[in-house]
Amino acid sequence: MDRIETIVKSLRKGRSDLESAKFELVFSFPSDEMAQEYFRKTYHWEHHDSMIKYQLDDLFFSGFKIKTDLNAKNLICLTKCYVDLAAETKGNLYRWKLWV
């Protein structure tokens, strides 16, 4: 989670006018049922700009993009909450991105 703070500090240093960004989290799941369950939980939990769902080989992926404040503490909290939620259905964090 220290990396999140480092990334946000670096972005703020280079672009002091930047106040928000699109935040993307994608998780991998061993089965389509588990990915579907996570998708249902996150879809109703919070409004997302776009939901992500796909399959690659034997893994199933589910995630989202949301516009949020560029605040390290907020991003750390969101990441922890979604990682915990994914762990309930045997999901693993696959990708974490900030789109500016």
C-alpha atoms as a PDB file:
ATOM      1  CA  MET A   1       0.000   0.000   0.000  1.00  0.00           C
ATOM      2  CA  ASP A   2       3.042   2.273   0.309  1.00  0.00           C
ATOM      3  CA  ARG A   3       3.246   2.194  -3.482  1.00  0.00           C
ATOM      4  CA  ILE A   4      -0.127   3.910  -3.686  1.00  0.00           C
ATOM      5  CA  GLU A   5       1.149   6.831  -1.608  1.00  0.00           C
ATOM      6  CA  THR A   6       4.293   7.041  -3.751  1.00  0.00           C
ATOM      7  CA  ILE A   7       2.257   7.073  -6.985  1.00  0.00           C
ATOM      8  CA  VAL A   8      -0.121   9.757  -5.717  1.00  0.00           C
ATOM      9  CA  LYS A   9       2.757  11.943  -4.478  1.00  0.00           C
ATOM     10  CA  SER A  10       4.512  11.599  -7.824  1.00  0.00           C
ATOM     11  CA  LEU A  11       1.352  12.517  -9.744  1.00  0.00           C
ATOM     12  CA  ARG A  12       0.706  15.508  -7.502  1.00  0.00           C
ATOM     13  CA  LYS A  13       4.285  16.707  -7.921  1.00  0.00           C
ATOM     14  CA  GLY A  14       4.044  16.583 -11.702  1.00  0.00           C
ATOM     15  CA  ARG A  15       0.459  17.831 -11.987  1.00  0.00           C
ATOM     16  CA  SER A  16      -0.527  19.971  -9.008  1.00  0.00           C
ATOM     17  CA  ASP A  17      -3.873  20.809 -10.690  1.00  0.00           C
ATOM     18  CA  LEU A  18      -4.902  17.136 -10.779  1.00  0.00           C
ATOM     19  CA  GLU A  19      -7.695  16.522  -8.250  1.00  0.00           C
ATOM     20  CA  SER A  20      -9.310  13.303  -9.466  1.00  0.00           C
ATOM     21  CA  ALA A  21      -8.565  10.265 -11.582  1.00  0.00           C
ATOM     22  CA  LYS A  22     -10.182   7.092 -12.798  1.00  0.00           C
ATOM     23  CA  PHE A  23      -9.347   4.219 -10.489  1.00  0.00           C
ATOM     24  CA  GLU A  24      -9.374   0.661 -11.861  1.00  0.00           C
ATOM     25  CA  LEU A  25      -9.246  -2.614  -9.971  1.00  0.00           C
ATOM     26  CA  VAL A  26      -9.447  -6.023 -11.652  1.00  0.00           C
ATOM     27  CA  PHE A  27      -9.485  -9.337  -9.798  1.00  0.00           C
ATOM     28  CA  SER A  28      -8.917 -12.886 -11.048  1.00  0.00           C
ATOM     29  CA  PHE A  29     -11.109 -15.799  -9.985  1.00  0.00           C
ATOM     30  CA  PRO A  30     -10.778 -19.568 -10.437  1.00  0.00           C
ATOM     31  CA  SER A  31     -14.371 -19.967 -11.689  1.00  0.00           C
ATOM     32  CA  ASP A  32     -17.020 -18.014 -13.534  1.00  0.00           C
ATOM     33  CA  GLU A  33     -19.418 -18.449 -10.600  1.00  0.00           C
ATOM     34  CA  MET A  34     -16.982 -16.756  -8.206  1.00  0.00           C
ATOM     35  CA  ALA A  35     -16.373 -13.903 -10.665  1.00  0.00           C
ATOM     36  CA  GLN A  36     -20.142 -13.495 -11.094  1.00  0.00           C
ATOM     37  CA  GLU A  37     -20.664 -13.360  -7.320  1.00  0.00           C
ATOM     38  CA  TYR A  38     -18.016 -10.647  -6.968  1.00  0.00           C
ATOM     39  CA  PHE A  39     -19.546  -8.761  -9.909  1.00  0.00           C
ATOM     40  CA  ARG A  40     -22.967  -8.832  -8.198  1.00  0.00           C
ATOM     41  CA  LYS A  41     -21.531  -7.647  -4.874  1.00  0.00           C
ATOM     42  CA  THR A  42     -19.582  -4.731  -6.332  1.00  0.00           C
ATOM     43  CA  TYR A  43     -22.274  -3.701  -8.795  1.00  0.00           C
ATOM     44  CA  HIS A  44     -24.722  -3.019  -5.977  1.00  0.00           C
ATOM     45  CA  TRP A  45     -22.139  -1.722  -3.522  1.00  0.00           C
ATOM     46  CA  GLU A  46     -21.229   1.510  -5.269  1.00  0.00           C
ATOM     47  CA  HIS A  47     -21.822   3.367  -8.531  1.00  0.00           C
ATOM     48  CA  HIS A  48     -19.111   2.529 -11.036  1.00  0.00           C
ATOM     49  CA  ASP A  49     -18.315   4.260 -14.300  1.00  0.00           C
ATOM     50  CA  SER A  50     -17.755   0.915 -15.997  1.00  0.00           C
ATOM     51  CA  MET A  51     -17.703  -2.703 -14.954  1.00  0.00           C
ATOM     52  CA  ILE A  52     -15.051  -5.079 -16.319  1.00  0.00           C
ATOM     53  CA  LYS A  53     -15.671  -8.771 -16.907  1.00  0.00           C
ATOM     54  CA  TYR A  54     -13.754 -11.207 -19.144  1.00  0.00           C
ATOM     55  CA  GLN A  55     -12.139 -14.633 -19.351  1.00  0.00           C
ATOM     56  CA  LEU A  56      -8.551 -15.459 -20.290  1.00  0.00           C
ATOM     57  CA  ASP A  57      -7.574 -19.140 -20.478  1.00  0.00           C
ATOM     58  CA  ASP A  58      -8.766 -20.765 -17.219  1.00  0.00           C
ATOM     59  CA  LEU A  59      -9.105 -17.533 -15.231  1.00  0.00           C
ATOM     60  CA  PHE A  60     -12.146 -15.299 -14.925  1.00  0.00           C
ATOM     61  CA  PHE A  61     -11.769 -11.577 -14.310  1.00  0.00           C
ATOM     62  CA  SER A  62     -14.104  -9.048 -12.757  1.00  0.00           C
ATOM     63  CA  GLY A  63     -13.521  -5.430 -11.795  1.00  0.00           C
ATOM     64  CA  PHE A  64     -14.485  -1.822 -12.329  1.00  0.00           C
ATOM     65  CA  LYS A  65     -13.409   1.733 -13.090  1.00  0.00           C
ATOM     66  CA  ILE A  66     -14.620   4.619 -10.971  1.00  0.00           C
ATOM     67  CA  LYS A  67     -13.836   8.319 -10.887  1.00  0.00           C
ATOM     68  CA  THR A  68     -12.500   9.278  -7.473  1.00  0.00           C
ATOM     69  CA  ASP A  69     -10.498  11.947  -5.659  1.00  0.00           C
ATOM     70  CA  LEU A  70      -6.747  11.678  -6.026  1.00  0.00           C
ATOM     71  CA  ASN A  71      -6.172  11.075  -2.349  1.00  0.00           C
ATOM     72  CA  ALA A  72      -3.780   8.333  -1.197  1.00  0.00           C
ATOM     73  CA  LYS A  73      -5.710   7.513   1.994  1.00  0.00           C
ATOM     74  CA  ASN A  74      -8.967   7.201   0.057  1.00  0.00           C
ATOM     75  CA  LEU A  75      -7.368   4.966  -2.602  1.00  0.00           C
ATOM     76  CA  ILE A  76      -5.766   2.752   0.049  1.00  0.00           C
ATOM     77  CA  CYS A  77      -9.104   2.380   1.855  1.00  0.00           C
ATOM     78  CA  LEU A  78     -10.958   1.565  -1.387  1.00  0.00           C
ATOM     79  CA  THR A  79      -8.311  -0.953  -2.409  1.00  0.00           C
ATOM     80  CA  LYS A  80      -8.383  -2.727   0.965  1.00  0.00           C
ATOM     81  CA  CYS A  81     -12.198  -2.906   0.969  1.00  0.00           C
ATOM     82  CA  TYR A  82     -12.381  -4.369  -2.530  1.00  0.00           C
ATOM     83  CA  VAL A  83      -9.499  -6.798  -1.905  1.00  0.00           C
ATOM     84  CA  ASP A  84     -11.275  -8.067   1.223  1.00  0.00           C
ATOM     85  CA  LEU A  85     -14.527  -8.426  -0.699  1.00  0.00           C
ATOM     86  CA  ALA A  86     -12.804 -10.339  -3.512  1.00  0.00           C
ATOM     87  CA  ALA A  87     -11.108 -12.649  -0.993  1.00  0.00           C
ATOM     88  CA  GLU A  88     -14.571 -13.776   0.155  1.00  0.00           C
ATOM     89  CA  THR A  89     -15.006 -15.408  -3.270  1.00  0.00           C
ATOM     90  CA  LYS A  90     -11.364 -16.548  -3.671  1.00  0.00           C
ATOM     91  CA  GLY A  91     -10.404 -13.597  -5.851  1.00  0.00           C
ATOM     92  CA  ASN A  92      -6.915 -12.159  -6.173  1.00  0.00           C
ATOM     93  CA  LEU A  93      -5.931  -8.645  -7.150  1.00  0.00           C
ATOM     94  CA  TYR A  94      -4.852  -8.851 -10.780  1.00  0.00           C
ATOM     95  CA  ARG A  95      -4.497  -5.211 -11.817  1.00  0.00           C
ATOM     96  CA  TRP A  96      -4.514  -1.806 -10.074  1.00  0.00           C
ATOM     97  CA  LYS A  97      -4.444   1.322 -12.252  1.00  0.00           C
ATOM     98  CA  LEU A  98      -4.929   5.049 -12.069  1.00  0.00           C
ATOM     99  CA  TRP A  99      -6.030   6.746 -15.286  1.00  0.00           C
ATOM    100  CA  VAL A 100      -5.215  10.471 -15.417  1.00  0.00           C
END
